[in-house]
Amino acid sequence: MANFGDQILGVSFQTAGSAIDPGSNSVYITAIINGTVNAIAAGVDLESSSDIILGANQAINLDPPFKVPADETVTPAAGVTIGYFIAK
């Protein structure tokens, strides 16, 4: 796995709400959790890519992290939590 130690600008998690906007950097998704009892067709909305589909009560841990292209926003749907960091 790549060494992001010198490049990480912040580590956080987000539930449904506003989009994560990394500016000119990239979002790296480390975990996606669907906390609902229903499958979600657009569990994580990626601005210019295909949405991530999640089964009921499904959790996905990503190692290495899933890199979303620079300048692209990421928005979790209602009931979904994502863990992420932003890096150059």
Protein backbone atom coordinates (compact mmCIF):
# COMPACT_ATOMS: atom_id res chain seq x y z
CA MET A 1 0.00 0.00 0.00
CA ALA A 2 1.18 3.51 -0.76
CA ASN A 3 2.54 5.65 2.06
CA PHE A 4 0.09 8.54 2.46
CA GLY A 5 1.71 9.83 5.69
CA ASP A 6 3.12 13.03 4.24
CA GLN A 7 0.13 13.75 2.04
CA ILE A 8 -2.96 13.27 4.22
CA LEU A 9 -4.85 16.52 4.74
CA GLY A 10 -7.59 15.18 7.05
CA VAL A 11 -9.28 11.99 8.23
CA SER A 12 -12.99 11.88 8.99
CA PHE A 13 -16.32 10.16 8.49
CA GLN A 14 -19.60 11.46 7.09
CA THR A 15 -23.20 10.42 7.08
CA ALA A 16 -25.87 11.64 4.68
CA GLY A 17 -25.85 15.34 4.09
CA SER A 18 -23.62 17.63 2.13
CA ALA A 19 -21.10 16.39 -0.38
CA ILE A 20 -17.46 15.88 0.55
CA ASP A 21 -15.60 18.32 -1.69
CA PRO A 22 -11.84 17.68 -1.74
CA GLY A 23 -11.00 20.76 -3.78
CA SER A 24 -8.10 19.92 -6.08
CA ASN A 25 -7.22 16.85 -3.97
CA SER A 26 -8.69 13.32 -3.94
CA VAL A 27 -11.04 11.58 -1.52
CA TYR A 28 -9.86 8.12 -0.42
CA ILE A 29 -12.75 6.01 0.91
CA THR A 30 -11.71 3.51 3.60
CA ALA A 31 -15.11 2.20 4.76
CA ILE A 32 -18.73 2.26 3.61
CA ILE A 33 -21.49 1.20 6.01
CA ASN A 34 -25.17 0.82 5.16
CA GLY A 35 -26.96 1.08 8.50
CA THR A 36 -30.42 0.43 7.05
CA VAL A 37 -32.42 -2.77 6.59
CA ASN A 38 -32.80 -2.07 2.87
CA ALA A 39 -30.49 -2.29 -0.12
CA ILE A 40 -29.57 1.13 -1.46
CA ALA A 41 -29.08 1.55 -5.22
CA ALA A 42 -27.08 4.77 -4.84
CA GLY A 43 -25.48 4.33 -1.42
CA VAL A 44 -22.60 6.61 -2.28
CA ASP A 45 -23.09 9.14 -5.07
CA LEU A 46 -19.90 9.77 -7.02
CA GLU A 47 -20.14 12.99 -8.99
CA SER A 48 -19.13 11.75 -12.44
CA SER A 49 -18.90 7.99 -11.92
CA SER A 50 -21.19 5.06 -11.24
CA ASP A 51 -22.85 5.02 -7.83
CA ILE A 52 -21.89 2.42 -5.23
CA ILE A 53 -24.72 -0.06 -4.54
CA LEU A 54 -25.04 -1.43 -1.00
CA GLY A 55 -26.95 -4.41 0.35
CA ALA A 56 -28.97 -4.23 3.57
CA ASN A 57 -26.76 -3.78 6.67
CA GLN A 58 -23.66 -4.19 4.49
CA ALA A 59 -20.24 -2.88 5.53
CA ILE A 60 -17.32 -2.63 3.15
CA ASN A 61 -13.76 -2.02 4.37
CA LEU A 62 -11.37 -0.96 1.66
CA ASP A 63 -7.65 -1.70 2.00
CA PRO A 64 -6.09 -0.15 0.02
CA PRO A 65 -8.51 2.78 0.07
CA PHE A 66 -10.71 3.50 -2.94
CA LYS A 67 -9.37 6.65 -4.63
CA VAL A 68 -12.01 8.95 -6.07
CA PRO A 69 -10.60 11.18 -8.83
CA ALA A 70 -9.41 14.67 -7.85
CA ASP A 71 -12.05 17.42 -7.82
CA GLU A 72 -14.92 14.88 -7.64
CA THR A 73 -17.44 15.17 -4.80
CA VAL A 74 -18.66 12.19 -2.79
CA THR A 75 -22.11 12.13 -1.13
CA PRO A 76 -23.36 9.30 1.13
CA ALA A 77 -27.09 8.50 0.97
CA ALA A 78 -29.44 8.52 3.96
CA GLY A 79 -28.44 5.74 6.36
CA VAL A 80 -24.94 5.40 4.91
CA THR A 81 -21.71 6.32 6.69
CA ILE A 82 -18.35 6.53 4.96
CA GLY A 83 -14.87 6.72 6.45
CA TYR A 84 -12.43 8.68 4.33
CA PHE A 85 -9.37 10.83 4.14
CA ILE A 86 -8.35 13.58 1.75
CA ALA A 87 -4.87 13.54 0.22
CA LYS A 88 -2.96 15.17 -2.60
